[in-house]
């Protein structure tokens, strides 16, 4: 089981698919701050009750790890940088 599989074990597949599509849309042209704000907005809608700031940083970090494991290093770098610099995620740092 990968880190991404573990993270989404209790999340409906439709939410995961939406999140992956949403964050990948325009990934190459977005800054770390823009990626973080997009994930924060998505998290507020998809995971009501969770703190969107903390959730956004965790989600970006996990997605970055997922892309790293798939050897998509460019996407991994963008996502991990957003989690580390803007979200302050210690694992991503």
C-alpha atoms as a PDB file:
ATOM      1  CA  UNK A   1       0.000   0.000   0.000  1.00  0.00           C
ATOM      2  CA  UNK A   2       1.449   3.355  -1.008  1.00  0.00           C
ATOM      3  CA  UNK A   3       1.213   6.525   1.074  1.00  0.00           C
ATOM      4  CA  UNK A   4      -1.465   7.833  -1.268  1.00  0.00           C
ATOM      5  CA  UNK A   5      -3.501   4.627  -0.957  1.00  0.00           C
ATOM      6  CA  UNK A   6      -3.330   4.859   2.826  1.00  0.00           C
ATOM      7  CA  UNK A   7      -4.330   8.523   2.831  1.00  0.00           C
ATOM      8  CA  UNK A   8      -7.405   7.881   0.706  1.00  0.00           C
ATOM      9  CA  UNK A   9      -8.498   4.563   2.193  1.00  0.00           C
ATOM     10  CA  UNK A  10     -11.650   6.150   3.638  1.00  0.00           C
ATOM     11  CA  UNK A  11     -12.215   8.737   0.901  1.00  0.00           C
ATOM     12  CA  UNK A  12     -14.619   8.001  -1.960  1.00  0.00           C
ATOM     13  CA  UNK A  13     -12.841   7.430  -5.269  1.00  0.00           C
ATOM     14  CA  UNK A  14     -14.802  10.269  -6.871  1.00  0.00           C
ATOM     15  CA  UNK A  15     -13.294  12.790  -4.419  1.00  0.00           C
ATOM     16  CA  UNK A  16      -9.787  11.512  -5.103  1.00  0.00           C
ATOM     17  CA  UNK A  17     -10.314  11.672  -8.864  1.00  0.00           C
ATOM     18  CA  UNK A  18     -11.655  15.211  -8.599  1.00  0.00           C
ATOM     19  CA  UNK A  19      -8.725  16.286  -6.430  1.00  0.00           C
ATOM     20  CA  UNK A  20      -6.130  14.818  -8.743  1.00  0.00           C
ATOM     21  CA  UNK A  21      -7.738  16.397 -11.797  1.00  0.00           C
ATOM     22  CA  UNK A  22      -8.246  19.738 -10.053  1.00  0.00           C
ATOM     23  CA  UNK A  23      -4.693  20.141  -8.811  1.00  0.00           C
ATOM     24  CA  UNK A  24      -3.107  18.849 -12.048  1.00  0.00           C
ATOM     25  CA  UNK A  25      -5.057  21.397 -14.114  1.00  0.00           C
ATOM     26  CA  UNK A  26      -2.500  24.050 -15.042  1.00  0.00           C
ATOM     27  CA  UNK A  27       0.123  22.575 -12.703  1.00  0.00           C
ATOM     28  CA  UNK A  28       3.033  23.618 -14.904  1.00  0.00           C
ATOM     29  CA  UNK A  29       2.083  27.294 -14.956  1.00  0.00           C
ATOM     30  CA  UNK A  30       0.971  27.816 -11.344  1.00  0.00           C
ATOM     31  CA  UNK A  31       3.149  29.151  -8.549  1.00  0.00           C
ATOM     32  CA  UNK A  32       3.522  27.400  -5.205  1.00  0.00           C
ATOM     33  CA  UNK A  33       1.160  29.938  -3.651  1.00  0.00           C
ATOM     34  CA  UNK A  34      -1.477  29.378  -6.318  1.00  0.00           C
ATOM     35  CA  UNK A  35      -1.284  25.591  -5.922  1.00  0.00           C
ATOM     36  CA  UNK A  36      -1.651  25.919  -2.162  1.00  0.00           C
ATOM     37  CA  UNK A  37      -4.649  28.259  -2.446  1.00  0.00           C
ATOM     38  CA  UNK A  38      -6.333  25.944  -4.973  1.00  0.00           C
ATOM     39  CA  UNK A  39      -5.829  22.949  -2.708  1.00  0.00           C
ATOM     40  CA  UNK A  40      -7.043  24.930   0.300  1.00  0.00           C
ATOM     41  CA  UNK A  41     -10.254  25.863  -1.534  1.00  0.00           C
ATOM     42  CA  UNK A  42     -10.770  22.279  -2.688  1.00  0.00           C
ATOM     43  CA  UNK A  43     -10.122  20.923   0.814  1.00  0.00           C
ATOM     44  CA  UNK A  44     -12.660  23.278   2.349  1.00  0.00           C
ATOM     45  CA  UNK A  45     -15.340  21.883   0.022  1.00  0.00           C
ATOM     46  CA  UNK A  46     -14.332  18.220  -0.082  1.00  0.00           C
ATOM     47  CA  UNK A  47     -13.448  17.774   3.585  1.00  0.00           C
ATOM     48  CA  UNK A  48     -15.808  19.961   5.625  1.00  0.00           C
ATOM     49  CA  UNK A  49     -14.887  20.058   9.284  1.00  0.00           C
ATOM     50  CA  UNK A  50     -11.137  19.775   8.686  1.00  0.00           C
ATOM     51  CA  UNK A  51      -8.870  22.811   8.954  1.00  0.00           C
ATOM     52  CA  UNK A  52      -8.329  23.715   5.270  1.00  0.00           C
ATOM     53  CA  UNK A  53      -4.793  25.066   5.836  1.00  0.00           C
ATOM     54  CA  UNK A  54      -3.489  21.894   7.444  1.00  0.00           C
ATOM     55  CA  UNK A  55      -5.398  19.643   5.038  1.00  0.00           C
ATOM     56  CA  UNK A  56      -4.064  21.524   1.990  1.00  0.00           C
ATOM     57  CA  UNK A  57      -0.451  21.128   3.095  1.00  0.00           C
ATOM     58  CA  UNK A  58      -0.916  17.398   3.810  1.00  0.00           C
ATOM     59  CA  UNK A  59      -2.709  16.784   0.519  1.00  0.00           C
ATOM     60  CA  UNK A  60      -0.055  18.589  -1.525  1.00  0.00           C
ATOM     61  CA  UNK A  61       2.694  16.678   0.256  1.00  0.00           C
ATOM     62  CA  UNK A  62       1.000  13.324  -0.328  1.00  0.00           C
ATOM     63  CA  UNK A  63       0.320  14.124  -3.974  1.00  0.00           C
ATOM     64  CA  UNK A  64       3.943  15.195  -4.372  1.00  0.00           C
ATOM     65  CA  UNK A  65       5.095  11.870  -2.921  1.00  0.00           C
ATOM     66  CA  UNK A  66       2.728  10.039  -5.254  1.00  0.00           C
ATOM     67  CA  UNK A  67       4.209  11.772  -8.297  1.00  0.00           C
ATOM     68  CA  UNK A  68       7.738  11.222  -7.008  1.00  0.00           C
ATOM     69  CA  UNK A  69       7.061   7.493  -6.665  1.00  0.00           C
ATOM     70  CA  UNK A  70       5.764   7.486 -10.248  1.00  0.00           C
ATOM     71  CA  UNK A  71       8.994   9.254 -11.310  1.00  0.00           C
ATOM     72  CA  UNK A  72       7.136  12.358 -12.419  1.00  0.00           C
ATOM     73  CA  UNK A  73       9.749  14.553 -10.797  1.00  0.00           C
ATOM     74  CA  UNK A  74       8.634  17.860 -12.289  1.00  0.00           C
ATOM     75  CA  UNK A  75       5.116  17.504 -10.844  1.00  0.00           C
ATOM     76  CA  UNK A  76       6.502  16.170  -7.560  1.00  0.00           C
ATOM     77  CA  UNK A  77       8.780  19.177  -7.187  1.00  0.00           C
ATOM     78  CA  UNK A  78       5.967  21.679  -7.796  1.00  0.00           C
ATOM     79  CA  UNK A  79       3.621  19.974  -5.327  1.00  0.00           C
ATOM     80  CA  UNK A  80       6.226  19.388  -2.616  1.00  0.00           C
ATOM     81  CA  UNK A  81       7.505  22.951  -2.938  1.00  0.00           C
ATOM     82  CA  UNK A  82       3.975  24.294  -2.452  1.00  0.00           C
ATOM     83  CA  UNK A  83       3.473  22.080   0.615  1.00  0.00           C
ATOM     84  CA  UNK A  84       6.845  23.042   2.093  1.00  0.00           C
ATOM     85  CA  UNK A  85       7.113  26.749   1.308  1.00  0.00           C
ATOM     86  CA  UNK A  86       3.526  27.884   1.617  1.00  0.00           C
ATOM     87  CA  UNK A  87       1.954  25.161   3.736  1.00  0.00           C
ATOM     88  CA  UNK A  88       4.895  24.701   6.090  1.00  0.00           C
ATOM     89  CA  UNK A  89       4.630  20.905   5.857  1.00  0.00           C
ATOM     90  CA  UNK A  90       7.622  19.413   7.660  1.00  0.00           C
ATOM     91  CA  UNK A  91       7.647  16.188   5.667  1.00  0.00           C
ATOM     92  CA  UNK A  92       7.676  18.068   2.361  1.00  0.00           C
ATOM     93  CA  UNK A  93      10.474  20.322   3.609  1.00  0.00           C
END
